[in-house]
């Protein structure tokens, strides 16, 4: 057996190579890998011993040679090909171990110009992997250190690597090559402002297998974007509890993204990806109390998200209620102790977003909806609201307090499934109507959940009112101000109803549907 080794990630390569040598394998390695092996007392011949040609073009051309590709690609079951190799003195290469230096982390953590980026691209390694994978009938292609032990185990027990394993490794090798080139394409699309290319490649790496999907009969796994650099759920460390389920991950993501949308200390309680309670306050514990007050019944079994390090006082109140999970950017020692002692509570900590120069690219700023046979792709729905763009359309202008609550509610309604209505007062939600086919029904649900708290509250709607009935019933319940996109052919009727009840109404000119 002859093995060719060329690895950027050298974890475990010395132990792997040493055991290959113990099986009688003849080792060849590119210069960097060979030097690493030599430092650990493992002898490997140079690739130049195969090619009789030194590295060229600044070291970029090392392995592009018939002595290497012939040895990899020759079919073992085609005598004519083997005869050709023998005629030219070329030996077979049975095992190829290659992993390339990652591209995505480098262009994500700092600004990398096009000339530098091009120099970073590994061509030879990716080509070797693809060639070895193509001839999986006779060659073992190893693209990751995670496969070393499986390969060795079969060599120990079977004296060879089984066909099933070779084809599984070939699939992984092709995936590694495809992902590598897709990340390069994403970078080139970014610098050329080509946000929606003709072919959009999704590069995801597995975080973990999940117990099941939305329902117990569905298999599922959690993957993360390789081009995403911000601190997200995919980067979270779990401090307590069982691994989150598919559904809990959806709600954890929703809760954390909503909480991070606010700058003041903020707490959100989420279920089925909708907030059921949301509040900001000067102290996190007060924000939690007011978020819980929105709907204590619906909050049962929900997910709590906060945008600050969670303190002991807040943790004690959270622990007094029944929740599935808590997610935060960090926990005080007291808070972690209190919450980890709560049986069955999943506790996740999200690292801070990387700073200075690191940037998202690729699919990180895109959103997807699955449809049969494909994906709908759109830009993420950013808030990007400027107070100067708000248009007061009623005779009465909102007071400063009303305007503050209107902006709070407008930020919240973006995270509620359509048709969406949010009632808020003093920086906290008091009623939420979500995912209704009729906007007036969503208003009615929000009002019923608010009860007497609707009096002097403000109301946000994610889209315009097609009829003024929702405004009428809100006014009757004591709502004093409304924020909505506007744009209905019946806007004048809506404005007339608002004026009749002395409401202040503001148009934003921007809709925030969330299906």
Protein backbone atom coordinates (compact mmCIF):
# COMPACT_ATOMS: atom_id res chain seq x y z
CA UNK A 1 0.00 0.00 0.00
CA UNK A 2 1.22 3.50 -0.86
CA UNK A 3 -0.22 6.55 0.86
CA UNK A 4 0.01 10.23 -0.09
CA UNK A 5 -0.34 12.71 2.77
CA UNK A 6 -0.88 16.46 2.46
CA UNK A 7 -2.68 18.07 5.38
CA UNK A 8 -3.22 21.60 6.63
CA UNK A 9 -4.93 20.31 9.78
CA UNK A 10 -2.28 18.12 11.34
CA UNK A 11 -4.32 16.87 14.28
CA UNK A 12 -3.72 13.16 14.61
CA UNK A 13 -1.70 12.82 11.40
CA UNK A 14 1.45 11.56 13.11
CA UNK A 15 -0.34 8.75 14.95
CA UNK A 16 -2.23 7.87 11.77
CA UNK A 17 0.92 7.81 9.63
CA UNK A 18 2.85 5.81 12.23
CA UNK A 19 0.21 3.07 12.23
CA UNK A 20 0.01 3.08 8.43
CA UNK A 21 3.75 2.54 8.37
CA UNK A 22 3.37 -0.34 10.83
CA UNK A 23 1.10 -2.03 8.28
CA UNK A 24 3.91 -1.75 5.73
CA UNK A 25 2.55 1.29 3.93
CA UNK A 26 4.98 3.37 1.88
CA UNK A 27 4.43 7.02 2.83
CA UNK A 28 4.82 10.08 0.59
CA UNK A 29 4.10 13.60 1.79
CA UNK A 30 4.20 17.20 0.66
CA UNK A 31 6.91 19.32 2.25
CA UNK A 32 5.01 20.82 5.22
CA UNK A 33 3.39 17.53 6.19
CA UNK A 34 6.69 15.67 5.70
CA UNK A 35 8.51 18.08 8.02
CA UNK A 36 5.78 17.67 10.65
CA UNK A 37 6.04 13.88 10.46
CA UNK A 38 9.82 14.00 10.61
CA UNK A 39 9.64 16.05 13.81
CA UNK A 40 7.67 13.16 15.31
CA UNK A 41 10.19 10.60 14.08
CA UNK A 42 8.16 9.33 11.12
CA UNK A 43 9.86 8.95 7.76
CA UNK A 44 7.99 9.85 4.59
CA UNK A 45 9.37 10.26 1.11
CA UNK A 46 8.98 13.54 -0.71
CA UNK A 47 6.39 14.01 -3.43
CA UNK A 48 9.33 15.05 -5.60
CA UNK A 49 10.61 11.47 -5.31
CA UNK A 50 7.52 10.45 -7.28
CA UNK A 51 7.56 13.24 -9.83
CA UNK A 52 11.30 13.94 -10.18
CA UNK A 53 10.24 17.60 -10.43
CA UNK A 54 10.69 20.21 -7.66
CA UNK A 55 7.77 22.42 -6.57
CA UNK A 56 7.07 25.11 -9.17
CA UNK A 57 5.26 28.47 -9.39
CA UNK A 58 5.91 29.45 -5.82
CA UNK A 59 5.10 25.98 -4.56
CA UNK A 60 1.65 25.90 -6.16
CA UNK A 61 2.60 23.09 -8.54
CA UNK A 62 3.75 20.09 -6.52
CA UNK A 63 1.39 17.24 -7.22
CA UNK A 64 0.11 17.98 -10.75
CA UNK A 65 2.01 15.15 -12.41
CA UNK A 66 1.15 11.87 -14.19
CA UNK A 67 3.15 9.93 -11.61
CA UNK A 68 0.66 11.06 -9.00
CA UNK A 69 -2.62 11.32 -10.88
CA UNK A 70 -1.94 8.19 -12.87
CA UNK A 71 -1.31 6.29 -9.65
CA UNK A 72 -4.54 7.59 -8.16
CA UNK A 73 -6.90 7.41 -11.13
CA UNK A 74 -5.88 4.11 -12.72
CA UNK A 75 -8.66 1.56 -12.41
CA UNK A 76 -7.45 -1.57 -10.71
CA UNK A 77 -9.88 -3.69 -12.75
CA UNK A 78 -8.76 -2.34 -16.16
CA UNK A 79 -5.57 -4.20 -17.28
CA UNK A 80 -4.79 -1.71 -20.05
CA UNK A 81 -4.51 1.13 -17.54
CA UNK A 82 -2.28 -0.86 -15.24
CA UNK A 83 -0.08 -1.81 -18.15
CA UNK A 84 0.29 1.86 -19.09
CA UNK A 85 1.47 2.67 -15.56
CA UNK A 86 3.96 -0.18 -15.61
CA UNK A 87 5.28 0.97 -18.98
CA UNK A 88 6.08 4.38 -17.52
CA UNK A 89 7.30 3.13 -14.16
CA UNK A 90 4.38 4.62 -12.24
CA UNK A 91 3.18 2.91 -9.07
CA UNK A 92 -0.36 2.87 -7.66
CA UNK A 93 -1.38 5.20 -4.85
CA UNK A 94 -3.92 3.48 -2.62
CA UNK A 95 -4.69 6.04 0.05
CA UNK A 96 -4.86 9.84 -0.23
CA UNK A 97 -5.09 11.97 2.92
CA UNK A 98 -5.72 15.63 2.17
CA UNK A 99 -7.33 18.54 3.96
CA UNK A 100 -6.91 22.08 2.76
CA UNK A 101 -6.36 25.21 4.81
CA UNK A 102 -9.82 26.67 5.49
CA UNK A 103 -10.72 29.65 3.33
CA UNK A 104 -13.88 30.92 5.00
CA UNK A 105 -12.42 31.72 8.45
CA UNK A 106 -9.63 33.83 6.96
CA UNK A 107 -11.81 36.02 4.75
CA UNK A 108 -14.38 36.31 7.52
CA UNK A 109 -12.19 37.48 10.37
CA UNK A 110 -10.59 40.41 8.56
CA UNK A 111 -10.66 42.33 5.32
CA UNK A 112 -8.90 40.29 2.65
CA UNK A 113 -8.28 41.86 -0.75
CA UNK A 114 -8.77 39.93 -3.95
CA UNK A 115 -5.06 39.44 -4.65
CA UNK A 116 -4.41 37.98 -1.21
CA UNK A 117 -7.55 35.86 -1.39
CA UNK A 118 -6.52 34.32 -4.69
CA UNK A 119 -3.15 33.36 -3.21
CA UNK A 120 -4.96 31.67 -0.33
CA UNK A 121 -6.90 29.32 -2.60
CA UNK A 122 -5.64 25.74 -2.52
CA UNK A 123 -5.93 24.11 -5.94
CA UNK A 124 -3.69 21.07 -5.66
CA UNK A 125 -5.17 19.62 -2.48
CA UNK A 126 -8.75 19.93 -3.65
CA UNK A 127 -7.83 18.33 -6.97
CA UNK A 128 -6.11 15.40 -5.24
CA UNK A 129 -9.16 14.76 -3.07
CA UNK A 130 -11.51 14.86 -6.05
CA UNK A 131 -9.30 12.47 -8.01
CA UNK A 132 -9.09 9.99 -5.13
CA UNK A 133 -12.83 10.17 -4.57
CA UNK A 134 -13.49 9.54 -8.27
CA UNK A 135 -11.62 6.26 -8.04
CA UNK A 136 -13.19 5.11 -4.78
CA UNK A 137 -13.39 1.60 -6.26
CA UNK A 138 -9.71 1.24 -5.51
CA UNK A 139 -8.53 4.31 -3.58
CA UNK A 140 -9.28 5.54 -0.06
CA UNK A 141 -9.90 9.31 0.03
CA UNK A 142 -9.58 10.75 3.55
CA UNK A 143 -10.67 14.38 3.88
CA UNK A 144 -10.77 14.80 7.66
CA UNK A 145 -8.91 13.64 10.78
CA UNK A 146 -12.28 12.41 12.08
CA UNK A 147 -11.97 9.47 9.67
CA UNK A 148 -8.53 8.27 10.73
CA UNK A 149 -9.67 5.82 13.38
CA UNK A 150 -12.35 4.23 11.18
CA UNK A 151 -9.79 3.64 8.43
CA UNK A 152 -7.28 2.16 10.87
CA UNK A 153 -9.88 -0.06 12.49
CA UNK A 154 -10.75 -1.65 9.15
CA UNK A 155 -7.10 -2.06 8.24
CA UNK A 156 -6.55 -3.84 11.57
CA UNK A 157 -9.59 -6.09 11.33
CA UNK A 158 -9.96 -6.64 7.58
CA UNK A 159 -6.54 -5.87 6.20
CA UNK A 160 -8.18 -3.37 3.84
CA UNK A 161 -10.75 -0.59 3.78
CA UNK A 162 -14.18 -1.92 2.81
CA UNK A 163 -16.03 -0.73 -0.29
CA UNK A 164 -18.83 0.79 1.81
CA UNK A 165 -16.33 2.85 3.76
CA UNK A 166 -14.43 3.90 0.63
CA UNK A 167 -17.61 5.23 -0.98
CA UNK A 168 -18.71 6.95 2.22
CA UNK A 169 -15.28 8.61 2.44
CA UNK A 170 -15.48 9.56 -1.25
CA UNK A 171 -18.82 11.27 -0.64
CA UNK A 172 -17.31 13.21 2.25
CA UNK A 173 -14.29 14.15 0.11
CA UNK A 174 -16.51 15.49 -2.66
CA UNK A 175 -18.56 17.39 -0.05
CA UNK A 176 -15.37 18.92 1.35
CA UNK A 177 -14.22 20.01 -2.12
CA UNK A 178 -17.67 21.36 -3.04
CA UNK A 179 -17.93 23.31 0.22
CA UNK A 180 -14.43 24.72 -0.20
CA UNK A 181 -15.12 26.01 -3.69
CA UNK A 182 -18.58 27.26 -2.68
CA UNK A 183 -17.02 29.39 0.06
CA UNK A 184 -14.62 30.87 -2.48
CA UNK A 185 -17.54 31.58 -4.82
CA UNK A 186 -19.39 33.27 -1.95
CA UNK A 187 -16.41 35.55 -1.31
CA UNK A 188 -16.09 36.45 -4.99
CA UNK A 189 -19.82 37.11 -5.22
CA UNK A 190 -19.57 39.38 -2.20
CA UNK A 191 -16.76 41.53 -3.54
CA UNK A 192 -18.54 41.81 -6.89
CA UNK A 193 -21.90 42.64 -5.22
CA UNK A 194 -23.51 39.61 -6.83
CA UNK A 195 -25.96 38.81 -4.02
CA UNK A 196 -28.20 36.52 -6.06
CA UNK A 197 -25.89 34.50 -8.35
CA UNK A 198 -27.12 32.10 -11.00
CA UNK A 199 -26.15 29.18 -8.77
CA UNK A 200 -26.36 29.64 -5.02
CA UNK A 201 -24.41 27.10 -2.99
CA UNK A 202 -25.32 26.49 0.65
CA UNK A 203 -22.34 25.51 2.80
CA UNK A 204 -23.33 24.04 6.15
CA UNK A 205 -21.45 21.91 8.66
CA UNK A 206 -23.13 19.62 11.14
CA UNK A 207 -23.33 20.79 14.75
CA UNK A 208 -25.19 17.74 16.02
CA UNK A 209 -27.77 15.10 15.32
CA UNK A 210 -31.12 15.76 16.98
CA UNK A 211 -33.36 13.30 18.77
CA UNK A 212 -36.08 13.95 16.18
CA UNK A 213 -37.58 16.74 14.08
CA UNK A 214 -40.81 18.66 14.53
CA UNK A 215 -42.46 15.30 15.26
CA UNK A 216 -40.97 12.11 16.73
CA UNK A 217 -41.16 10.20 13.43
CA UNK A 218 -38.95 12.76 11.62
CA UNK A 219 -35.15 12.44 11.65
CA UNK A 220 -33.25 15.71 12.05
CA UNK A 221 -29.86 17.35 12.51
CA UNK A 222 -28.57 20.84 13.29
CA UNK A 223 -26.14 22.50 10.84
CA UNK A 224 -24.36 25.84 11.01
CA UNK A 225 -23.31 28.25 8.27
CA UNK A 226 -19.57 28.29 7.66
CA UNK A 227 -19.66 31.89 6.43
CA UNK A 228 -21.48 33.27 9.49
CA UNK A 229 -19.32 35.16 11.96
CA UNK A 230 -21.81 36.65 14.41
CA UNK A 231 -22.46 35.08 17.83
CA UNK A 232 -25.53 32.92 17.22
CA UNK A 233 -27.42 29.92 18.51
CA UNK A 234 -25.19 27.72 16.34
CA UNK A 235 -22.21 28.87 18.44
CA UNK A 236 -23.94 28.45 21.82
CA UNK A 237 -22.51 26.36 24.64
CA UNK A 238 -24.95 24.27 26.64
CA UNK A 239 -24.52 24.60 30.38
CA UNK A 240 -27.34 22.38 31.64
CA UNK A 241 -30.22 20.18 30.60
CA UNK A 242 -30.73 17.74 27.74
CA UNK A 243 -29.75 18.67 24.20
CA UNK A 244 -32.48 20.93 22.78
CA UNK A 245 -35.03 19.40 20.46
CA UNK A 246 -35.69 20.63 16.92
CA UNK A 247 -38.67 22.70 18.13
CA UNK A 248 -36.81 24.13 21.10
CA UNK A 249 -33.95 25.20 18.82
CA UNK A 250 -36.45 27.12 16.67
CA UNK A 251 -37.81 28.89 19.74
CA UNK A 252 -34.37 29.49 21.24
CA UNK A 253 -33.28 31.15 18.01
CA UNK A 254 -36.43 33.30 17.88
CA UNK A 255 -36.14 34.35 21.52
CA UNK A 256 -32.48 35.30 21.26
CA UNK A 257 -32.84 37.22 18.00
CA UNK A 258 -35.78 39.18 19.40
CA UNK A 259 -33.94 40.04 22.61
CA UNK A 260 -30.86 41.19 20.68
CA UNK A 261 -33.02 43.56 18.64
CA UNK A 262 -33.20 45.86 21.69
CA UNK A 263 -30.43 47.88 23.32
CA UNK A 264 -31.96 48.30 26.81
CA UNK A 265 -32.05 45.28 29.17
CA UNK A 266 -34.70 43.11 27.52
CA UNK A 267 -36.42 39.80 28.19
CA UNK A 268 -38.57 37.83 25.77
CA UNK A 269 -40.64 34.72 26.40
CA UNK A 270 -41.27 32.84 23.15
CA UNK A 271 -43.40 29.90 22.02
CA UNK A 272 -43.80 28.52 18.51
CA UNK A 273 -41.32 31.20 17.34
CA UNK A 274 -43.63 34.05 18.44
CA UNK A 275 -43.06 36.25 21.47
CA UNK A 276 -45.79 35.81 24.08
CA UNK A 277 -44.20 38.42 26.31
CA UNK A 278 -41.53 41.06 25.74
CA UNK A 279 -40.29 43.96 27.82
CA UNK A 280 -37.39 46.35 28.25
CA UNK A 281 -36.51 48.05 31.54
CA UNK A 282 -33.58 49.58 33.38
CA UNK A 283 -33.11 46.29 35.29
CA UNK A 284 -33.29 42.83 33.76
CA UNK A 285 -35.42 41.43 36.57
CA UNK A 286 -38.05 44.12 36.00
CA UNK A 287 -38.02 43.41 32.28
CA UNK A 288 -38.65 39.74 33.06
CA UNK A 289 -41.57 40.50 35.38
CA UNK A 290 -43.22 42.70 32.81
CA UNK A 291 -42.63 40.22 29.98
CA UNK A 292 -44.26 37.50 32.09
CA UNK A 293 -47.20 39.78 32.88
CA UNK A 294 -48.10 39.96 29.18
CA UNK A 295 -49.52 36.43 29.27
CA UNK A 296 -48.55 34.26 32.26
CA UNK A 297 -50.65 31.33 31.00
CA UNK A 298 -49.17 31.26 27.49
CA UNK A 299 -45.68 31.67 28.95
CA UNK A 300 -45.89 28.24 30.61
CA UNK A 301 -43.38 25.92 28.94
CA UNK A 302 -41.88 28.70 26.83
CA UNK A 303 -38.32 29.78 26.08
CA UNK A 304 -36.73 32.77 27.87
CA UNK A 305 -34.24 34.93 25.99
CA UNK A 306 -32.30 37.88 27.38
CA UNK A 307 -29.82 40.31 25.86
CA UNK A 308 -27.65 40.80 28.95
CA UNK A 309 -25.65 38.62 31.28
CA UNK A 310 -28.36 37.01 33.37
CA UNK A 311 -28.11 37.92 37.05
CA UNK A 312 -29.12 36.05 40.17
CA UNK A 313 -32.24 38.08 40.90
CA UNK A 314 -33.66 37.43 37.44
CA UNK A 315 -32.61 33.77 37.59
CA UNK A 316 -34.51 33.24 40.85
CA UNK A 317 -37.73 34.52 39.31
CA UNK A 318 -37.24 32.48 36.14
CA UNK A 319 -36.61 29.36 38.25
CA UNK A 320 -39.92 29.91 40.05
CA UNK A 321 -41.80 29.24 36.79
CA UNK A 322 -41.89 26.39 34.30
CA UNK A 323 -39.85 26.91 31.12
CA UNK A 324 -38.17 24.65 28.59
CA UNK A 325 -34.96 26.64 28.19
CA UNK A 326 -33.12 29.90 28.80
CA UNK A 327 -30.69 31.55 26.38
CA UNK A 328 -28.42 34.49 27.20
CA UNK A 329 -25.05 35.98 26.26
CA UNK A 330 -23.78 34.90 29.67
CA UNK A 331 -24.68 34.13 33.28
CA UNK A 332 -23.42 35.36 36.61
CA UNK A 333 -22.10 32.65 38.91
CA UNK A 334 -25.22 32.97 41.05
CA UNK A 335 -27.57 32.78 38.07
CA UNK A 336 -25.85 29.71 36.63
CA UNK A 337 -26.03 27.97 39.99
CA UNK A 338 -29.73 28.72 40.40
CA UNK A 339 -30.75 27.67 36.91
CA UNK A 340 -28.58 24.56 36.58
CA UNK A 341 -30.26 23.29 39.76
CA UNK A 342 -33.66 23.52 38.06
CA UNK A 343 -34.50 19.98 36.80
CA UNK A 344 -35.14 19.69 33.09
CA UNK A 345 -34.19 23.28 32.22
CA UNK A 346 -31.95 23.67 29.18
CA UNK A 347 -29.42 26.45 29.68
CA UNK A 348 -27.53 27.94 26.72
CA UNK A 349 -24.87 30.63 26.60
CA UNK A 350 -24.11 32.43 23.32
CA UNK A 351 -20.62 33.89 22.85
CA UNK A 352 -20.29 37.54 22.00
CA UNK A 353 -20.27 38.47 18.34
CA UNK A 354 -16.71 38.65 17.01
CA UNK A 355 -15.45 42.19 16.75
CA UNK A 356 -13.45 44.37 14.44
CA UNK A 357 -13.21 43.24 10.89
CA UNK A 358 -15.06 39.97 11.00
CA UNK A 359 -17.98 39.97 8.61
CA UNK A 360 -20.69 37.71 7.35
CA UNK A 361 -20.86 36.73 3.72
CA UNK A 362 -22.24 33.92 1.60
CA UNK A 363 -25.73 32.96 2.75
CA UNK A 364 -25.41 34.61 6.16
CA UNK A 365 -27.47 37.64 5.17
CA UNK A 366 -30.11 35.69 3.27
CA UNK A 367 -33.34 34.09 4.43
CA UNK A 368 -34.93 30.96 2.98
CA UNK A 369 -38.36 29.42 2.66
CA UNK A 370 -38.63 25.82 1.51
CA UNK A 371 -41.04 25.06 -1.32
CA UNK A 372 -41.49 21.83 -3.25
CA UNK A 373 -38.53 21.46 -5.57
CA UNK A 374 -36.59 24.50 -4.41
CA UNK A 375 -36.04 27.47 -2.13
CA UNK A 376 -37.35 31.00 -2.04
CA UNK A 377 -34.43 33.29 -1.20
CA UNK A 378 -34.63 36.84 0.12
CA UNK A 379 -32.60 39.37 2.05
CA UNK A 380 -33.06 39.28 5.81
CA UNK A 381 -35.78 41.64 7.03
CA UNK A 382 -33.83 44.43 8.70
CA UNK A 383 -35.56 47.11 10.74
CA UNK A 384 -33.59 50.14 9.52
CA UNK A 385 -36.16 52.69 10.74
CA UNK A 386 -35.35 56.38 11.08
CA UNK A 387 -37.68 58.54 13.15
CA UNK A 388 -37.37 61.17 10.47
CA UNK A 389 -39.04 58.80 8.00
CA UNK A 390 -42.15 58.37 10.12
CA UNK A 391 -45.23 60.08 8.75
CA UNK A 392 -47.88 61.29 11.18
CA UNK A 393 -51.16 61.05 9.22
CA UNK A 394 -53.65 62.08 11.91
CA UNK A 395 -54.51 65.49 13.33
CA UNK A 396 -53.07 64.50 16.70
CA UNK A 397 -49.34 63.78 16.89
CA UNK A 398 -48.11 61.11 19.31
CA UNK A 399 -46.70 62.27 22.62
CA UNK A 400 -43.07 61.49 23.38
CA UNK A 401 -44.18 58.60 25.57
CA UNK A 402 -46.48 57.25 22.89
CA UNK A 403 -43.78 57.56 20.25
CA UNK A 404 -41.31 55.63 22.41
CA UNK A 405 -43.85 52.85 22.88
CA UNK A 406 -44.79 52.90 19.20
CA UNK A 407 -41.17 52.30 18.22
CA UNK A 408 -40.87 49.54 20.84
CA UNK A 409 -44.00 47.86 19.47
CA UNK A 410 -42.88 48.32 15.86
CA UNK A 411 -39.60 46.60 16.64
CA UNK A 412 -41.54 43.76 18.31
CA UNK A 413 -44.19 43.23 15.62
CA UNK A 414 -41.48 42.38 13.08
CA UNK A 415 -40.89 39.16 15.02
CA UNK A 416 -44.54 38.09 15.19
CA UNK A 417 -46.07 35.88 12.51
CA UNK A 418 -48.54 37.56 10.20
CA UNK A 419 -51.12 38.84 10.51
CA UNK A 420 -49.44 40.41 13.53
CA UNK A 421 -50.65 42.90 16.13
CA UNK A 422 -48.70 44.07 19.19
CA UNK A 423 -50.08 46.19 22.02
CA UNK A 424 -47.49 47.85 24.24
CA UNK A 425 -47.24 50.28 27.09
CA UNK A 426 -44.24 51.64 29.00
CA UNK A 427 -41.73 49.48 27.12
CA UNK A 428 -43.58 46.19 27.50
CA UNK A 429 -46.06 44.17 25.50
CA UNK A 430 -49.53 43.87 27.03
CA UNK A 431 -51.18 41.86 24.25
CA UNK A 432 -50.06 40.02 21.11
CA UNK A 433 -52.18 38.66 18.25
CA UNK A 434 -50.22 36.35 15.96
CA UNK A 435 -50.65 34.23 12.82
CA UNK A 436 -54.25 35.11 12.01
CA UNK A 437 -55.89 35.09 8.58
CA UNK A 438 -57.82 38.24 9.51
CA UNK A 439 -56.13 41.37 10.84
CA UNK A 440 -59.21 42.36 12.83
CA UNK A 441 -59.16 38.93 14.51
CA UNK A 442 -55.49 39.48 15.41
CA UNK A 443 -56.47 42.84 16.94
CA UNK A 444 -59.28 41.17 18.88
CA UNK A 445 -56.94 38.48 20.24
CA UNK A 446 -54.35 41.06 21.32
CA UNK A 447 -57.05 43.14 23.03
CA UNK A 448 -58.53 40.15 24.85
CA UNK A 449 -55.09 39.17 26.13
CA UNK A 450 -54.44 42.74 27.25
CA UNK A 451 -57.80 43.23 28.97
CA UNK A 452 -57.86 46.48 30.93
CA UNK A 453 -54.17 47.02 30.11
CA UNK A 454 -55.22 47.99 26.58
CA UNK A 455 -56.31 51.37 27.94
CA UNK A 456 -53.64 53.96 27.12
CA UNK A 457 -51.60 51.34 25.21
CA UNK A 458 -50.29 51.76 21.68
CA UNK A 459 -50.74 49.32 18.82
CA UNK A 460 -48.40 48.13 16.04
CA UNK A 461 -49.52 46.29 12.92
CA UNK A 462 -47.03 44.53 10.65
CA UNK A 463 -49.01 45.50 7.53
CA UNK A 464 -51.72 47.99 6.60
CA UNK A 465 -55.34 47.70 7.71
CA UNK A 466 -57.39 46.66 4.66
CA UNK A 467 -60.49 47.86 6.53
CA UNK A 468 -60.77 50.31 9.42
CA UNK A 469 -62.59 47.85 11.70
CA UNK A 470 -59.39 46.87 13.55
CA UNK A 471 -58.69 50.52 14.33
CA UNK A 472 -62.26 51.01 15.51
CA UNK A 473 -62.18 48.14 18.01
CA UNK A 474 -58.73 49.20 19.25
CA UNK A 475 -60.01 52.73 19.86
CA UNK A 476 -63.04 51.38 21.70
CA UNK A 477 -60.70 49.42 23.99
CA UNK A 478 -58.69 52.54 24.89
CA UNK A 479 -55.69 52.32 22.55
CA UNK A 480 -54.33 55.82 22.02
CA UNK A 481 -51.82 55.53 19.16
CA UNK A 482 -51.10 53.25 16.20
CA UNK A 483 -48.08 52.52 14.05
CA UNK A 484 -48.49 50.72 10.73
CA UNK A 485 -46.96 50.72 7.23
CA UNK A 486 -49.90 52.37 5.46
CA UNK A 487 -50.46 51.78 1.77
CA UNK A 488 -54.03 50.50 1.74
CA UNK A 489 -56.55 51.86 -0.78
CA UNK A 490 -58.66 52.52 2.33
CA UNK A 491 -56.01 54.48 4.25
CA UNK A 492 -58.24 57.57 4.25
CA UNK A 493 -60.99 55.61 5.97
CA UNK A 494 -58.49 54.38 8.57
CA UNK A 495 -57.25 57.93 9.16
CA UNK A 496 -60.83 59.21 9.47
CA UNK A 497 -61.63 56.61 12.16
CA UNK A 498 -58.41 57.43 14.03
CA UNK A 499 -59.20 61.17 13.93
CA UNK A 500 -62.74 60.57 15.12
CA UNK A 501 -61.37 58.86 18.23
CA UNK A 502 -58.51 61.35 18.73
CA UNK A 503 -55.89 58.67 18.08
CA UNK A 504 -52.40 59.45 16.83
CA UNK A 505 -51.41 57.30 13.86
CA UNK A 506 -48.00 56.97 12.24
CA UNK A 507 -47.15 55.40 8.89
CA UNK A 508 -43.73 53.81 8.42
CA UNK A 509 -43.95 53.01 4.71
CA UNK A 510 -42.43 49.57 5.35
CA UNK A 511 -44.21 46.24 5.82
CA UNK A 512 -42.89 43.43 8.03
CA UNK A 513 -44.72 40.24 7.06
CA UNK A 514 -43.40 37.06 8.65
CA UNK A 515 -45.03 33.95 7.21
